[in-house]
Protein backbone atom coordinates (compact mmCIF):
# COMPACT_ATOMS: atom_id res chain seq x y z
CA MET A 1 -18.68 11.54 -27.14
CA VAL A 2 -22.01 11.10 -25.37
CA ASN A 3 -23.12 14.15 -23.34
CA ALA A 4 -19.83 15.82 -24.20
CA ALA A 5 -21.22 19.36 -24.37
CA SER A 6 -22.55 19.13 -20.82
CA CYS A 7 -19.03 18.15 -19.69
CA GLY A 8 -17.39 21.19 -21.31
CA VAL A 9 -16.42 19.81 -24.73
CA THR A 10 -16.79 22.72 -27.16
CA ASP A 11 -16.49 20.88 -30.48
CA PRO A 12 -19.64 18.82 -31.23
CA ASN A 13 -17.60 16.65 -33.63
CA ALA A 14 -14.76 15.92 -31.18
CA LEU A 15 -13.75 12.29 -30.89
CA TRP A 16 -11.05 12.93 -28.28
CA LEU A 17 -9.89 15.66 -25.93
CA GLN A 18 -7.04 17.78 -27.18
CA ALA A 19 -5.17 20.84 -25.99
CA PRO A 20 -2.55 21.62 -28.66
CA VAL A 21 0.32 23.90 -27.68
CA GLY A 22 -0.35 27.38 -29.01
CA ALA A 23 -3.91 26.59 -30.08
CA GLN A 24 -7.31 26.49 -28.43
CA ALA A 25 -8.37 23.32 -26.65
CA ASN A 26 -11.60 21.60 -27.67
CA PHE A 27 -12.94 21.82 -24.11
CA THR A 28 -13.39 24.40 -21.35
CA GLY A 29 -12.17 24.05 -17.80
CA SER A 30 -9.52 21.61 -16.65
CA ILE A 31 -8.93 18.41 -18.58
CA ALA A 32 -9.23 16.50 -15.28
CA ASP A 33 -12.73 17.86 -14.69
CA VAL A 34 -13.85 17.21 -18.28
CA PHE A 35 -12.48 13.65 -18.25
CA SER A 36 -14.07 13.00 -14.86
CA CYS A 37 -17.43 14.20 -16.17
CA LEU A 38 -17.18 12.09 -19.35
CA ALA A 39 -16.24 9.00 -17.31
CA SER A 40 -18.96 9.50 -14.69
CA GLY A 41 -21.43 7.32 -16.61
CA LEU A 42 -19.21 4.26 -16.51
CA GLY A 43 -20.39 1.31 -14.49
CA THR A 44 -20.01 -2.38 -13.73
CA GLN A 45 -23.29 -3.71 -15.09
CA GLY A 46 -22.05 -4.80 -18.52
CA CYS A 47 -20.91 -8.15 -19.81
CA GLY A 48 -18.48 -10.01 -17.55
CA GLU A 49 -16.36 -11.09 -20.52
CA GLU A 50 -14.39 -7.85 -20.86
CA HIS A 51 -11.87 -7.30 -23.64
CA GLN A 52 -10.12 -4.06 -22.72
CA LEU A 53 -7.02 -4.67 -24.84
CA GLU A 54 -8.98 -5.73 -27.92
CA ALA A 55 -11.28 -2.71 -27.52
CA PHE A 56 -8.19 -0.49 -27.68
CA GLU A 57 -7.00 -2.25 -30.84
CA LEU A 58 -10.39 -2.00 -32.55
CA ALA A 59 -10.84 1.64 -31.55
CA LEU A 60 -7.57 2.64 -33.20
CA LEU A 61 -7.22 0.17 -36.06
CA GLY A 62 -10.62 -1.25 -36.89
CA SER A 63 -11.05 -4.95 -37.48
CA SER A 64 -7.60 -5.42 -39.03
CA PRO A 65 -4.41 -3.35 -39.27
CA SER A 66 -5.17 -2.56 -42.94
CA ILE A 67 -8.71 -1.32 -42.22
CA GLY A 68 -9.59 1.90 -40.48
CA ASN A 69 -11.97 4.77 -40.95
CA ALA A 70 -10.88 8.39 -41.27
CA ALA A 71 -11.33 9.11 -37.53
CA GLN A 72 -9.21 6.11 -36.58
CA ILE A 73 -6.47 7.11 -38.99
CA ALA A 74 -6.61 10.74 -37.76
CA MET A 75 -6.13 9.57 -34.15
CA LEU A 76 -2.70 8.11 -34.97
CA ARG A 77 -0.70 11.28 -35.61
CA PRO A 78 3.12 11.13 -35.70
CA SER A 79 3.39 14.42 -33.80
CA ALA A 80 1.00 13.44 -30.99
CA TYR A 81 1.56 11.46 -27.82
CA LEU A 82 -0.88 8.64 -27.23
CA GLY A 83 -1.93 7.82 -23.69
CA LEU A 84 -4.28 4.98 -22.86
CA VAL A 85 -6.22 4.75 -19.64
CA PHE A 86 -7.97 1.51 -18.73
CA LEU A 87 -10.50 1.74 -15.91
CA SER A 88 -11.71 -1.74 -15.13
CA ASP A 89 -12.83 -3.90 -12.27
CA GLU A 90 -11.81 -7.14 -14.03
CA ASP A 91 -8.92 -8.78 -15.84
CA ASP A 92 -8.85 -8.73 -19.62
CA CYS A 93 -10.71 -11.74 -20.97
CA LEU A 94 -9.18 -11.77 -24.42
CA ALA A 95 -10.52 -14.51 -26.64
CA ALA A 96 -9.50 -15.45 -30.15
CA GLY A 97 -11.47 -13.50 -32.76
CA ASN A 98 -13.01 -16.60 -34.35
CA ASP A 99 -13.34 -18.88 -31.34
CA GLY A 100 -17.11 -19.18 -31.76
CA MET A 101 -17.90 -17.29 -28.56
CA PHE A 102 -18.69 -14.08 -30.42
CA GLY A 103 -19.52 -15.45 -33.85
CA ASP A 104 -17.33 -15.72 -36.89
CA SER A 105 -15.79 -12.66 -38.45
CA PRO A 106 -13.99 -13.42 -41.72
CA ALA A 107 -11.88 -10.25 -41.46
CA ARG A 108 -10.39 -11.34 -38.13
CA THR A 109 -8.32 -14.37 -37.33
CA ALA A 110 -6.77 -15.60 -34.12
């Protein structure tokens, strides 16, 4: 996470915020304040062709359901709840993976 330490994240290797019951959280202060700080750099100056839902899929699964790195696999824990928050000023503009708009990717199909 970019600038995570300045927002109160205590683990330099943290990929997500966690506060396990009976164990120490990987951040200091309230989770609302830490999340607000981490999200403060978001803006509306990026590409207008936003793919929020596909970004979620790629973040958790990689480019196909059978591919994923160790961090992606670790995120999907049977004992953990998963909450997704989408902050956007536009509708999802999902396009087929190989529609030519973003170039061909042999590992992904529509």
